[in-house]
Each structure stands twice: as structure tokens, then as C-alpha cells.
Amino acid sequence: MLYGISPLISPELLKVLMEMGHGDEIVIGDGNFPAASHAQRLIRCDGHGIPELLDAILRLFPLDPYVEKPVALMQVVPGDTVETPIWNEYLAVIRERVGLEAPFEEVERFAFYERAKKAYAVVATGESALYANVILKKGVVKP
């Protein structure tokens, strides 16, 4: 444990966040996301929800200001009637931590999977909301 770092941030996750460079991406996958089969580096955060983890990460992690949409969401498959209220929770966290009003791009499901395979790391969570997967693109830490 350390002062100023959420207990949701494990030593392994902290190491990965610090290793990542500008433009690297990290996936935070919901409980249904095929994390183990898609990850170059897998970090387990079972039992945790994504909104709380997103908030803890964004206290430490800058989003890329040089791209139009530094956050990617898995697009709802056409014809699926599921609602995605968790996206509003993500927006509230991002507004509070980063100040962005429209940070999201929606990525088709299989394109999202391919992008996840190239990501620096994948965080597997216990999030039960559907279509809750999110990709964050790291920005620069300014002096």
C-alpha cells in the first residue's frame, strides 16, 4: 500500500501503467471479454468493476491529447437490443478526471478484438455489464 494510490491498483498494474509510453493502449475488459487469449500482458482484477478501476487509473494515467478520441468502446453488435448505461458512468469519470466531453470512439466487435491483441496490456475485471470493454490510449506526462 502507498499513499495516494488506490488499493484497486495492484503492483502489477502500477508497473504496467508506468512502463507504457505515449500512444500505447491498455484494454480494460469486462467479465465476458476473452482477456487471456487476447493479451500480450494479462493483469487480473477479478472482483472489481470497471468504473471504479477506470477512476483509479485516470488519477495516474494521462489520456492522449493528440488524438481525437483517446477512449474506445466496443460497439453494440447491430441487432442487439442491449442498453449500455455503463458508458455514461465512464463519461462521468472521464469528465471529472480529464475534462473531456466526447472522448469515445465506438469500435466494431471484431475490430476491437484485433486492437486488443495489439494493446500493451489487458486488464481482466469482474465487471458484469455488457459491452463494458474499454481501451485507453496513453498520453504524455508533462513536467
C-alpha atoms as a PDB file:
ATOM      1  CA  MET A   1       0.000   0.000   0.000  1.00  0.00           C
ATOM      2  CA  LEU A   2       1.115   3.528  -0.743  1.00  0.00           C
ATOM      3  CA  TYR A   3      -0.254   6.967  -0.014  1.00  0.00           C
ATOM      4  CA  GLY A   4      -2.193   8.439  -2.929  1.00  0.00           C
ATOM      5  CA  ILE A   5      -2.561   5.185  -4.881  1.00  0.00           C
ATOM      6  CA  SER A   6      -5.880   3.388  -4.832  1.00  0.00           C
ATOM      7  CA  PRO A   7      -5.809  -0.136  -3.414  1.00  0.00           C
ATOM      8  CA  LEU A   8      -7.518  -1.150  -6.696  1.00  0.00           C
ATOM      9  CA  ILE A   9      -4.182  -0.520  -8.422  1.00  0.00           C
ATOM     10  CA  SER A  10      -2.168  -3.690  -7.891  1.00  0.00           C
ATOM     11  CA  PRO A  11       1.640  -3.633  -8.018  1.00  0.00           C
ATOM     12  CA  GLU A  12       1.468  -5.400 -11.387  1.00  0.00           C
ATOM     13  CA  LEU A  13      -0.978  -2.839 -12.811  1.00  0.00           C
ATOM     14  CA  LEU A  14       1.092   0.064 -11.483  1.00  0.00           C
ATOM     15  CA  LYS A  15       4.206  -1.397 -13.157  1.00  0.00           C
ATOM     16  CA  VAL A  16       2.399  -1.761 -16.490  1.00  0.00           C
ATOM     17  CA  LEU A  17       0.961   1.777 -16.347  1.00  0.00           C
ATOM     18  CA  MET A  18       4.464   3.117 -15.704  1.00  0.00           C
ATOM     19  CA  GLU A  19       6.033   1.023 -18.477  1.00  0.00           C
ATOM     20  CA  MET A  20       3.580   2.227 -21.092  1.00  0.00           C
ATOM     21  CA  GLY A  21       4.657   5.023 -23.390  1.00  0.00           C
ATOM     22  CA  HIS A  22       2.840   7.700 -25.350  1.00  0.00           C
ATOM     23  CA  GLY A  23       0.359   6.086 -27.727  1.00  0.00           C
ATOM     24  CA  ASP A  24       0.382   2.685 -26.041  1.00  0.00           C
ATOM     25  CA  GLU A  25      -3.047   1.243 -25.301  1.00  0.00           C
ATOM     26  CA  ILE A  26      -4.470  -0.693 -22.387  1.00  0.00           C
ATOM     27  CA  VAL A  27      -7.716  -2.668 -22.514  1.00  0.00           C
ATOM     28  CA  ILE A  28      -9.983  -2.943 -19.503  1.00  0.00           C
ATOM     29  CA  GLY A  29     -12.202  -5.918 -20.224  1.00  0.00           C
ATOM     30  CA  ASP A  30     -15.484  -6.900 -18.674  1.00  0.00           C
ATOM     31  CA  GLY A  31     -16.086 -10.355 -17.236  1.00  0.00           C
ATOM     32  CA  ASN A  32     -17.059 -11.746 -20.653  1.00  0.00           C
ATOM     33  CA  PHE A  33     -14.039 -10.378 -22.535  1.00  0.00           C
ATOM     34  CA  PRO A  34     -11.612 -13.068 -23.771  1.00  0.00           C
ATOM     35  CA  ALA A  35      -8.727 -11.444 -21.905  1.00  0.00           C
ATOM     36  CA  ALA A  36      -6.375 -14.408 -21.534  1.00  0.00           C
ATOM     37  CA  SER A  37      -6.499 -15.329 -25.216  1.00  0.00           C
ATOM     38  CA  HIS A  38      -6.050 -11.729 -26.427  1.00  0.00           C
ATOM     39  CA  ALA A  39      -3.449 -10.299 -24.036  1.00  0.00           C
ATOM     40  CA  GLN A  40       0.248  -9.762 -24.582  1.00  0.00           C
ATOM     41  CA  ARG A  41       0.324  -8.968 -20.849  1.00  0.00           C
ATOM     42  CA  LEU A  42      -2.603 -10.011 -18.684  1.00  0.00           C
ATOM     43  CA  ILE A  43      -3.455  -8.312 -15.407  1.00  0.00           C
ATOM     44  CA  ARG A  44      -6.164  -9.858 -13.237  1.00  0.00           C
ATOM     45  CA  CYS A  45      -8.506  -7.520 -11.392  1.00  0.00           C
ATOM     46  CA  ASP A  46     -11.280 -10.040 -10.780  1.00  0.00           C
ATOM     47  CA  GLY A  47     -13.978  -8.863  -8.434  1.00  0.00           C
ATOM     48  CA  HIS A  48     -13.614  -5.225  -9.426  1.00  0.00           C
ATOM     49  CA  GLY A  49     -15.945  -3.164 -11.584  1.00  0.00           C
ATOM     50  CA  ILE A  50     -14.655  -1.075 -14.452  1.00  0.00           C
ATOM     51  CA  PRO A  51     -15.963   2.367 -13.370  1.00  0.00           C
ATOM     52  CA  GLU A  52     -14.049   2.213 -10.063  1.00  0.00           C
ATOM     53  CA  LEU A  53     -10.946   0.871 -11.765  1.00  0.00           C
ATOM     54  CA  LEU A  54     -11.174   3.495 -14.519  1.00  0.00           C
ATOM     55  CA  ASP A  55     -11.343   6.229 -11.889  1.00  0.00           C
ATOM     56  CA  ALA A  56      -8.296   4.828 -10.077  1.00  0.00           C
ATOM     57  CA  ILE A  57      -6.307   4.508 -13.308  1.00  0.00           C
ATOM     58  CA  LEU A  58      -7.163   8.006 -14.563  1.00  0.00           C
ATOM     59  CA  ARG A  59      -5.807   9.507 -11.330  1.00  0.00           C
ATOM     60  CA  LEU A  60      -2.387   8.287 -12.535  1.00  0.00           C
ATOM     61  CA  PHE A  61      -2.675   7.897 -16.297  1.00  0.00           C
ATOM     62  CA  PRO A  62      -2.879  10.708 -18.879  1.00  0.00           C
ATOM     63  CA  LEU A  63      -5.092  10.186 -21.915  1.00  0.00           C
ATOM     64  CA  ASP A  64      -3.565  11.078 -25.280  1.00  0.00           C
ATOM     65  CA  PRO A  65      -4.425  14.709 -26.118  1.00  0.00           C
ATOM     66  CA  TYR A  66      -3.094  14.358 -29.689  1.00  0.00           C
ATOM     67  CA  VAL A  67      -5.859  12.061 -30.923  1.00  0.00           C
ATOM     68  CA  GLU A  68      -9.498  12.996 -31.382  1.00  0.00           C
ATOM     69  CA  LYS A  69     -10.871  10.051 -29.369  1.00  0.00           C
ATOM     70  CA  PRO A  70      -8.437   8.607 -26.775  1.00  0.00           C
ATOM     71  CA  VAL A  71     -11.007   6.107 -25.444  1.00  0.00           C
ATOM     72  CA  ALA A  72     -12.507   3.256 -27.460  1.00  0.00           C
ATOM     73  CA  LEU A  73     -15.659   1.317 -26.609  1.00  0.00           C
ATOM     74  CA  MET A  74     -16.835  -1.962 -28.105  1.00  0.00           C
ATOM     75  CA  GLN A  75     -19.728  -1.091 -30.386  1.00  0.00           C
ATOM     76  CA  VAL A  76     -23.013  -2.876 -29.751  1.00  0.00           C
ATOM     77  CA  VAL A  77     -23.484  -5.594 -32.367  1.00  0.00           C
ATOM     78  CA  PRO A  78     -26.158  -4.496 -34.872  1.00  0.00           C
ATOM     79  CA  GLY A  79     -29.490  -6.040 -33.923  1.00  0.00           C
ATOM     80  CA  ASP A  80     -28.523  -6.493 -30.260  1.00  0.00           C
ATOM     81  CA  THR A  81     -31.029  -4.616 -28.103  1.00  0.00           C
ATOM     82  CA  VAL A  82     -28.826  -4.355 -25.017  1.00  0.00           C
ATOM     83  CA  GLU A  83     -28.515  -0.934 -23.374  1.00  0.00           C
ATOM     84  CA  THR A  84     -25.119   0.474 -22.315  1.00  0.00           C
ATOM     85  CA  PRO A  85     -25.736   2.750 -19.312  1.00  0.00           C
ATOM     86  CA  ILE A  86     -22.230   1.996 -18.056  1.00  0.00           C
ATOM     87  CA  TRP A  87     -20.884   4.209 -20.840  1.00  0.00           C
ATOM     88  CA  ASN A  88     -22.493   7.179 -19.049  1.00  0.00           C
ATOM     89  CA  GLU A  89     -20.604   6.175 -15.894  1.00  0.00           C
ATOM     90  CA  TYR A  90     -17.357   6.132 -17.884  1.00  0.00           C
ATOM     91  CA  LEU A  91     -18.133   9.576 -19.304  1.00  0.00           C
ATOM     92  CA  ALA A  92     -18.746  10.961 -15.804  1.00  0.00           C
ATOM     93  CA  VAL A  93     -15.392   9.587 -14.595  1.00  0.00           C
ATOM     94  CA  ILE A  94     -13.544  10.922 -17.652  1.00  0.00           C
ATOM     95  CA  ARG A  95     -15.165  14.347 -17.324  1.00  0.00           C
ATOM     96  CA  GLU A  96     -14.137  14.544 -13.682  1.00  0.00           C
ATOM     97  CA  ARG A  97     -10.591  13.225 -14.092  1.00  0.00           C
ATOM     98  CA  VAL A  98      -9.644  14.537 -17.548  1.00  0.00           C
ATOM     99  CA  GLY A  99     -12.243  17.134 -18.502  1.00  0.00           C
ATOM    100  CA  LEU A 100     -13.138  15.590 -21.869  1.00  0.00           C
ATOM    101  CA  GLU A 101     -16.737  15.816 -23.063  1.00  0.00           C
ATOM    102  CA  ALA A 102     -16.666  13.464 -26.077  1.00  0.00           C
ATOM    103  CA  PRO A 103     -13.736  11.062 -25.629  1.00  0.00           C
ATOM    104  CA  PHE A 104     -15.254   7.907 -27.149  1.00  0.00           C
ATOM    105  CA  GLU A 105     -14.951   6.146 -30.440  1.00  0.00           C
ATOM    106  CA  GLU A 106     -17.050   3.032 -30.971  1.00  0.00           C
ATOM    107  CA  VAL A 107     -15.183   0.112 -32.498  1.00  0.00           C
ATOM    108  CA  GLU A 108     -16.871  -2.869 -34.172  1.00  0.00           C
ATOM    109  CA  ARG A 109     -16.618  -6.016 -32.034  1.00  0.00           C
ATOM    110  CA  PHE A 110     -14.074  -7.991 -34.083  1.00  0.00           C
ATOM    111  CA  ALA A 111     -12.014  -4.879 -34.850  1.00  0.00           C
ATOM    112  CA  PHE A 112     -11.986  -4.223 -31.088  1.00  0.00           C
ATOM    113  CA  TYR A 113     -10.654  -7.755 -30.507  1.00  0.00           C
ATOM    114  CA  GLU A 114      -7.881  -7.225 -33.071  1.00  0.00           C
ATOM    115  CA  ARG A 115      -6.941  -3.909 -31.488  1.00  0.00           C
ATOM    116  CA  ALA A 116      -6.914  -5.581 -28.063  1.00  0.00           C
ATOM    117  CA  LYS A 117      -4.405  -8.164 -29.312  1.00  0.00           C
ATOM    118  CA  LYS A 118      -2.014  -5.306 -30.146  1.00  0.00           C
ATOM    119  CA  ALA A 119      -2.555  -3.454 -26.862  1.00  0.00           C
ATOM    120  CA  TYR A 120       0.274  -3.195 -24.367  1.00  0.00           C
ATOM    121  CA  ALA A 121      -1.829  -4.977 -21.742  1.00  0.00           C
ATOM    122  CA  VAL A 122      -5.295  -6.283 -20.989  1.00  0.00           C
ATOM    123  CA  VAL A 123      -6.888  -5.935 -17.573  1.00  0.00           C
ATOM    124  CA  ALA A 124      -9.455  -8.648 -16.796  1.00  0.00           C
ATOM    125  CA  THR A 125     -12.180  -7.462 -14.409  1.00  0.00           C
ATOM    126  CA  GLY A 126     -15.303  -8.872 -12.854  1.00  0.00           C
ATOM    127  CA  GLU A 127     -17.497  -6.233 -14.490  1.00  0.00           C
ATOM    128  CA  SER A 128     -20.903  -7.754 -15.286  1.00  0.00           C
ATOM    129  CA  ALA A 129     -22.283  -5.004 -17.547  1.00  0.00           C
ATOM    130  CA  LEU A 130     -22.461  -5.948 -21.216  1.00  0.00           C
ATOM    131  CA  TYR A 131     -20.366  -4.046 -23.769  1.00  0.00           C
ATOM    132  CA  ALA A 132     -18.352  -2.596 -20.903  1.00  0.00           C
ATOM    133  CA  ASN A 133     -14.944  -3.123 -22.553  1.00  0.00           C
ATOM    134  CA  VAL A 134     -12.816  -0.031 -22.952  1.00  0.00           C
ATOM    135  CA  ILE A 135      -9.440   0.838 -24.470  1.00  0.00           C
ATOM    136  CA  LEU A 136      -7.392   3.778 -23.154  1.00  0.00           C
ATOM    137  CA  LYS A 137      -4.641   5.427 -25.224  1.00  0.00           C
ATOM    138  CA  LYS A 138      -1.856   6.819 -23.053  1.00  0.00           C
ATOM    139  CA  GLY A 139      -0.784  10.406 -23.393  1.00  0.00           C
ATOM    140  CA  VAL A 140       2.294  12.215 -22.155  1.00  0.00           C
ATOM    141  CA  VAL A 141       3.191  13.140 -18.606  1.00  0.00           C
ATOM    142  CA  LYS A 142       4.174  16.799 -18.731  1.00  0.00           C
ATOM    143  CA  PRO A 143       6.838  18.226 -16.409  1.00  0.00           C
END
